[in-house]
Amino acid sequence: MKYLLMLYADEAAGAAIPKDQMDRFMDMMRAYQSELEKAGAFVSTSALQPTSAARTIWTEGGALRSHDGPYAQTSEQLGGYYIIDAPDMESAVRLAGKCPAATWGKIEVRPYHPGYAPG
């Protein structure tokens, strides 16, 4: 089954991390991806641009509405994701727990809907 690991952290705090320290964090994330690949669990990953680049849209009365920024105003923002393949939620949680991002933010683990999982 496919699981989406949504990586949440305070993007303002992340932007304040010195480049050399951020480079080390990114090395840890690449090592984590390698570990997922070796386990046969890696499907996809990507980082997201900051919430200042986001736009939220909805329809109201048949008209398209929008506002700049994320859907929710929170202290932690969605900064990236992994899609993994795991036999069950417990396995997915164990794999997510190895992600370095869990040390500076939160990771939401959510299963794909069985009828709509990507190839």
N, C-alpha and C. Protein backbone atom coordinates (compact mmCIF):
# COMPACT_ATOMS: atom_id res chain seq x y z
N MET A 1 0.84 -1.17 0.00
CA MET A 1 0.00 0.00 0.00
C MET A 1 0.89 1.24 0.00
N LYS A 2 0.43 2.27 -0.67
CA LYS A 2 1.17 3.53 -0.73
C LYS A 2 0.77 4.42 0.45
N TYR A 3 1.78 5.14 0.98
CA TYR A 3 1.57 6.08 2.08
C TYR A 3 2.23 7.41 1.71
N LEU A 4 1.57 8.49 2.08
CA LEU A 4 2.12 9.83 1.89
C LEU A 4 2.67 10.29 3.24
N LEU A 5 3.95 10.63 3.27
CA LEU A 5 4.58 11.20 4.46
C LEU A 5 4.66 12.70 4.23
N MET A 6 3.88 13.46 4.96
CA MET A 6 3.87 14.92 4.81
C MET A 6 4.77 15.52 5.89
N LEU A 7 5.80 16.25 5.45
CA LEU A 7 6.80 16.79 6.36
C LEU A 7 6.45 18.23 6.72
N TYR A 8 6.17 18.46 7.99
CA TYR A 8 5.79 19.78 8.48
C TYR A 8 6.88 20.34 9.37
N ALA A 9 7.18 21.62 9.19
CA ALA A 9 8.14 22.31 10.05
C ALA A 9 7.87 23.81 9.96
N ASP A 10 8.47 24.55 10.83
CA ASP A 10 8.36 26.01 10.83
C ASP A 10 9.29 26.55 9.75
N GLU A 11 8.73 27.02 8.63
CA GLU A 11 9.56 27.45 7.51
C GLU A 11 10.40 28.67 7.85
N ALA A 12 9.93 29.55 8.74
CA ALA A 12 10.74 30.72 9.13
C ALA A 12 11.98 30.25 9.89
N ALA A 13 11.82 29.27 10.77
CA ALA A 13 12.98 28.73 11.50
C ALA A 13 13.93 28.04 10.54
N GLY A 14 13.38 27.31 9.56
CA GLY A 14 14.22 26.64 8.57
C GLY A 14 15.01 27.62 7.73
N ALA A 15 14.39 28.75 7.37
CA ALA A 15 15.09 29.75 6.57
C ALA A 15 16.24 30.40 7.33
N ALA A 16 16.19 30.34 8.66
CA ALA A 16 17.24 30.96 9.48
C ALA A 16 18.42 30.02 9.76
N ILE A 17 18.32 28.77 9.30
CA ILE A 17 19.41 27.81 9.53
C ILE A 17 20.59 28.17 8.63
N PRO A 18 21.80 28.25 9.19
CA PRO A 18 22.98 28.55 8.37
C PRO A 18 23.17 27.52 7.26
N LYS A 19 23.71 27.97 6.12
CA LYS A 19 23.87 27.11 4.95
C LYS A 19 24.62 25.83 5.24
N ASP A 20 25.71 25.89 5.99
CA ASP A 20 26.49 24.67 6.25
C ASP A 20 25.67 23.66 7.06
N GLN A 21 24.87 24.14 8.00
CA GLN A 21 24.03 23.25 8.78
C GLN A 21 22.90 22.68 7.91
N MET A 22 22.31 23.50 7.05
CA MET A 22 21.26 23.03 6.15
C MET A 22 21.82 21.99 5.18
N ASP A 23 23.04 22.19 4.70
CA ASP A 23 23.68 21.21 3.82
C ASP A 23 23.79 19.86 4.52
N ARG A 24 24.13 19.87 5.81
CA ARG A 24 24.22 18.61 6.58
C ARG A 24 22.84 17.96 6.70
N PHE A 25 21.81 18.77 6.94
CA PHE A 25 20.44 18.24 7.01
C PHE A 25 20.05 17.60 5.68
N MET A 26 20.39 18.26 4.59
CA MET A 26 20.03 17.72 3.27
C MET A 26 20.80 16.43 2.99
N ASP A 27 22.04 16.33 3.45
CA ASP A 27 22.79 15.08 3.34
C ASP A 27 22.07 13.96 4.09
N MET A 28 21.53 14.29 5.27
CA MET A 28 20.79 13.30 6.05
C MET A 28 19.52 12.87 5.31
N MET A 29 18.86 13.81 4.64
CA MET A 29 17.65 13.48 3.90
C MET A 29 17.98 12.59 2.69
N ARG A 30 19.11 12.86 2.03
CA ARG A 30 19.52 12.01 0.90
C ARG A 30 19.85 10.60 1.40
N ALA A 31 20.47 10.50 2.57
CA ALA A 31 20.78 9.18 3.15
C ALA A 31 19.49 8.44 3.49
N TYR A 32 18.50 9.17 3.99
CA TYR A 32 17.20 8.57 4.29
C TYR A 32 16.55 8.04 3.01
N GLN A 33 16.59 8.81 1.94
CA GLN A 33 16.04 8.35 0.67
C GLN A 33 16.75 7.09 0.20
N SER A 34 18.05 7.05 0.34
CA SER A 34 18.82 5.87 -0.04
C SER A 34 18.38 4.65 0.77
N GLU A 35 18.13 4.86 2.06
CA GLU A 35 17.67 3.77 2.93
C GLU A 35 16.30 3.26 2.47
N LEU A 36 15.40 4.19 2.10
CA LEU A 36 14.10 3.78 1.58
C LEU A 36 14.25 2.99 0.28
N GLU A 37 15.15 3.45 -0.60
CA GLU A 37 15.38 2.76 -1.87
C GLU A 37 15.88 1.34 -1.63
N LYS A 38 16.84 1.19 -0.73
CA LYS A 38 17.39 -0.14 -0.42
C LYS A 38 16.32 -1.07 0.16
N ALA A 39 15.36 -0.51 0.89
CA ALA A 39 14.29 -1.30 1.49
C ALA A 39 13.17 -1.59 0.49
N GLY A 40 13.27 -1.02 -0.73
CA GLY A 40 12.23 -1.21 -1.73
C GLY A 40 10.95 -0.44 -1.41
N ALA A 41 11.05 0.60 -0.56
CA ALA A 41 9.88 1.35 -0.12
C ALA A 41 9.75 2.71 -0.79
N PHE A 42 10.81 3.19 -1.44
CA PHE A 42 10.79 4.54 -2.01
C PHE A 42 9.95 4.58 -3.28
N VAL A 43 9.05 5.58 -3.36
CA VAL A 43 8.26 5.81 -4.57
C VAL A 43 8.61 7.18 -5.14
N SER A 44 8.53 8.25 -4.31
CA SER A 44 8.74 9.60 -4.80
C SER A 44 8.99 10.54 -3.63
N THR A 45 9.61 11.69 -3.92
CA THR A 45 9.78 12.74 -2.92
C THR A 45 9.92 14.08 -3.62
N SER A 46 9.65 15.14 -2.89
CA SER A 46 9.91 16.48 -3.38
C SER A 46 9.83 17.46 -2.23
N ALA A 47 10.60 18.52 -2.35
CA ALA A 47 10.47 19.66 -1.44
C ALA A 47 9.49 20.63 -2.07
N LEU A 48 8.87 21.44 -1.25
CA LEU A 48 7.94 22.45 -1.75
C LEU A 48 8.53 23.84 -1.56
N GLN A 49 8.14 24.77 -2.42
CA GLN A 49 8.53 26.16 -2.23
C GLN A 49 7.81 26.69 -1.00
N PRO A 50 8.26 27.82 -0.44
CA PRO A 50 7.64 28.33 0.78
C PRO A 50 6.17 28.70 0.58
N THR A 51 5.45 28.80 1.69
CA THR A 51 4.02 29.11 1.62
C THR A 51 3.75 30.46 0.96
N SER A 52 4.73 31.35 0.94
CA SER A 52 4.53 32.63 0.26
C SER A 52 4.33 32.45 -1.24
N ALA A 53 4.71 31.30 -1.79
CA ALA A 53 4.53 31.01 -3.21
C ALA A 53 3.20 30.30 -3.48
N ALA A 54 2.45 29.97 -2.41
CA ALA A 54 1.22 29.19 -2.56
C ALA A 54 0.03 30.08 -2.89
N ARG A 55 -0.96 29.48 -3.45
CA ARG A 55 -2.25 30.12 -3.66
C ARG A 55 -3.32 29.08 -3.34
N THR A 56 -4.32 29.47 -2.58
CA THR A 56 -5.42 28.58 -2.23
C THR A 56 -6.63 28.98 -3.05
N ILE A 57 -7.29 27.98 -3.64
CA ILE A 57 -8.45 28.27 -4.49
C ILE A 57 -9.66 27.47 -4.02
N TRP A 58 -10.84 27.96 -4.36
CA TRP A 58 -12.10 27.27 -4.11
C TRP A 58 -13.14 27.89 -5.01
N THR A 59 -14.27 27.22 -5.16
CA THR A 59 -15.37 27.82 -5.92
C THR A 59 -16.48 28.19 -4.94
N GLU A 60 -17.12 29.29 -5.25
CA GLU A 60 -18.22 29.78 -4.41
C GLU A 60 -19.26 30.37 -5.35
N GLY A 61 -20.45 29.80 -5.30
CA GLY A 61 -21.51 30.28 -6.18
C GLY A 61 -21.14 30.15 -7.65
N GLY A 62 -20.36 29.15 -7.99
CA GLY A 62 -19.95 28.93 -9.36
C GLY A 62 -18.76 29.77 -9.81
N ALA A 63 -18.27 30.66 -8.94
CA ALA A 63 -17.13 31.52 -9.30
C ALA A 63 -15.87 31.01 -8.61
N LEU A 64 -14.77 31.12 -9.31
CA LEU A 64 -13.48 30.73 -8.75
C LEU A 64 -12.98 31.84 -7.83
N ARG A 65 -12.64 31.48 -6.63
CA ARG A 65 -12.09 32.41 -5.64
C ARG A 65 -10.69 31.95 -5.30
N SER A 66 -9.86 32.87 -4.81
CA SER A 66 -8.52 32.49 -4.41
C SER A 66 -7.96 33.50 -3.42
N HIS A 67 -6.94 33.04 -2.70
CA HIS A 67 -6.16 33.98 -1.89
C HIS A 67 -4.71 33.50 -1.91
N ASP A 68 -3.80 34.44 -1.75
CA ASP A 68 -2.38 34.10 -1.70
C ASP A 68 -2.08 33.41 -0.39
N GLY A 69 -1.21 32.42 -0.46
CA GLY A 69 -0.77 31.75 0.75
C GLY A 69 -1.42 30.39 0.93
N PRO A 70 -1.07 29.75 2.02
CA PRO A 70 -1.56 28.39 2.27
C PRO A 70 -3.02 28.38 2.72
N TYR A 71 -3.59 27.21 2.73
CA TYR A 71 -4.97 27.02 3.17
C TYR A 71 -5.11 27.35 4.65
N ALA A 72 -4.18 26.85 5.47
CA ALA A 72 -4.26 27.04 6.92
C ALA A 72 -3.12 27.92 7.41
N GLN A 73 -3.42 28.79 8.34
CA GLN A 73 -2.39 29.59 8.99
C GLN A 73 -1.98 28.84 10.25
N THR A 74 -0.81 28.23 10.22
CA THR A 74 -0.35 27.42 11.33
C THR A 74 1.10 27.75 11.66
N SER A 75 1.57 27.26 12.79
CA SER A 75 2.96 27.51 13.18
C SER A 75 3.92 26.61 12.41
N GLU A 76 3.43 25.50 11.85
CA GLU A 76 4.26 24.61 11.03
C GLU A 76 3.62 24.48 9.67
N GLN A 77 4.45 24.43 8.63
CA GLN A 77 3.95 24.38 7.26
C GLN A 77 4.41 23.10 6.58
N LEU A 78 3.62 22.67 5.60
CA LEU A 78 3.99 21.52 4.78
C LEU A 78 5.17 21.94 3.90
N GLY A 79 6.30 21.28 4.07
CA GLY A 79 7.50 21.67 3.35
C GLY A 79 7.96 20.67 2.31
N GLY A 80 7.41 19.47 2.36
CA GLY A 80 7.80 18.45 1.40
C GLY A 80 7.10 17.16 1.72
N TYR A 81 7.39 16.15 0.90
CA TYR A 81 6.71 14.87 1.12
C TYR A 81 7.56 13.73 0.59
N TYR A 82 7.22 12.56 1.03
CA TYR A 82 7.69 11.29 0.47
C TYR A 82 6.46 10.46 0.20
N ILE A 83 6.49 9.70 -0.86
CA ILE A 83 5.51 8.65 -1.09
C ILE A 83 6.28 7.35 -0.93
N ILE A 84 5.78 6.50 -0.05
CA ILE A 84 6.46 5.23 0.19
C ILE A 84 5.48 4.08 -0.03
N ASP A 85 6.03 2.90 -0.16
CA ASP A 85 5.24 1.68 -0.28
C ASP A 85 5.57 0.83 0.94
N ALA A 86 4.56 0.48 1.71
CA ALA A 86 4.75 -0.32 2.92
C ALA A 86 3.58 -1.28 3.06
N PRO A 87 3.81 -2.42 3.70
CA PRO A 87 2.74 -3.41 3.80
C PRO A 87 1.58 -2.99 4.71
N ASP A 88 1.83 -2.10 5.69
CA ASP A 88 0.79 -1.69 6.62
C ASP A 88 1.19 -0.39 7.31
N MET A 89 0.26 0.18 8.06
CA MET A 89 0.50 1.47 8.72
C MET A 89 1.67 1.39 9.69
N GLU A 90 1.78 0.30 10.44
CA GLU A 90 2.86 0.19 11.41
C GLU A 90 4.23 0.23 10.72
N SER A 91 4.34 -0.44 9.59
CA SER A 91 5.59 -0.41 8.82
C SER A 91 5.85 0.99 8.28
N ALA A 92 4.80 1.64 7.80
CA ALA A 92 4.95 3.00 7.27
C ALA A 92 5.41 3.95 8.38
N VAL A 93 4.85 3.81 9.57
CA VAL A 93 5.24 4.66 10.70
C VAL A 93 6.70 4.41 11.08
N ARG A 94 7.11 3.15 11.07
CA ARG A 94 8.53 2.84 11.38
C ARG A 94 9.45 3.50 10.36
N LEU A 95 9.11 3.41 9.08
CA LEU A 95 9.93 4.03 8.04
C LEU A 95 9.93 5.55 8.19
N ALA A 96 8.78 6.13 8.48
CA ALA A 96 8.68 7.58 8.66
C ALA A 96 9.51 8.02 9.87
N GLY A 97 9.54 7.20 10.90
CA GLY A 97 10.29 7.53 12.11
C GLY A 97 11.78 7.63 11.89
N LYS A 98 12.26 7.06 10.79
CA LYS A 98 13.69 7.14 10.46
C LYS A 98 14.03 8.42 9.70
N CYS A 99 13.01 9.16 9.27
CA CYS A 99 13.23 10.37 8.48
C CYS A 99 13.82 11.47 9.37
N PRO A 100 14.94 12.07 8.98
CA PRO A 100 15.53 13.13 9.78
C PRO A 100 14.59 14.30 10.04
N ALA A 101 13.63 14.52 9.16
CA ALA A 101 12.69 15.63 9.34
C ALA A 101 11.88 15.48 10.62
N ALA A 102 11.77 14.27 11.15
CA ALA A 102 11.04 14.07 12.40
C ALA A 102 11.76 14.70 13.59
N THR A 103 13.04 15.05 13.43
CA THR A 103 13.77 15.67 14.52
C THR A 103 13.55 17.18 14.58
N TRP A 104 13.07 17.81 13.51
CA TRP A 104 12.85 19.27 13.54
C TRP A 104 11.40 19.65 13.22
N GLY A 105 10.55 18.67 12.99
CA GLY A 105 9.15 18.97 12.70
C GLY A 105 8.31 17.73 12.89
N LYS A 106 7.14 17.74 12.33
CA LYS A 106 6.20 16.63 12.44
C LYS A 106 6.05 15.98 11.07
N ILE A 107 5.72 14.69 11.09
CA ILE A 107 5.44 13.96 9.85
C ILE A 107 4.07 13.32 9.99
N GLU A 108 3.17 13.69 9.09
CA GLU A 108 1.86 13.04 9.04
C GLU A 108 1.97 11.88 8.06
N VAL A 109 1.56 10.70 8.49
CA VAL A 109 1.57 9.50 7.66
C VAL A 109 0.12 9.18 7.30
N ARG A 110 -0.18 9.20 6.01
CA ARG A 110 -1.55 8.96 5.59
C ARG A 110 -1.58 7.97 4.44
N PRO A 111 -2.40 6.90 4.57
CA PRO A 111 -2.49 5.93 3.47
C PRO A 111 -3.26 6.50 2.28
N TYR A 112 -2.84 6.07 1.12
CA TYR A 112 -3.60 6.38 -0.08
C TYR A 112 -4.92 5.64 -0.03
N HIS A 113 -5.94 6.22 -0.64
CA HIS A 113 -7.21 5.52 -0.77
C HIS A 113 -6.97 4.32 -1.68
N PRO A 114 -7.40 3.14 -1.28
CA PRO A 114 -7.08 1.93 -2.07
C PRO A 114 -7.51 2.01 -3.53
N GLY A 115 -8.60 2.69 -3.83
CA GLY A 115 -9.07 2.78 -5.20
C GLY A 115 -8.34 3.82 -6.04
N TYR A 116 -7.48 4.64 -5.42
CA TYR A 116 -6.87 5.75 -6.13
C TYR A 116 -5.35 5.80 -6.01
N ALA A 117 -4.74 4.73 -5.51
CA ALA A 117 -3.28 4.73 -5.30
C ALA A 117 -2.56 4.82 -6.64
N PRO A 118 -1.45 5.59 -6.68
CA PRO A 118 -0.68 5.70 -7.93
C PRO A 118 -0.04 4.38 -8.29
N GLY A 119 0.15 4.18 -9.59
CA GLY A 119 0.74 2.98 -10.17
C GLY A 119 1.82 2.44 -9.43
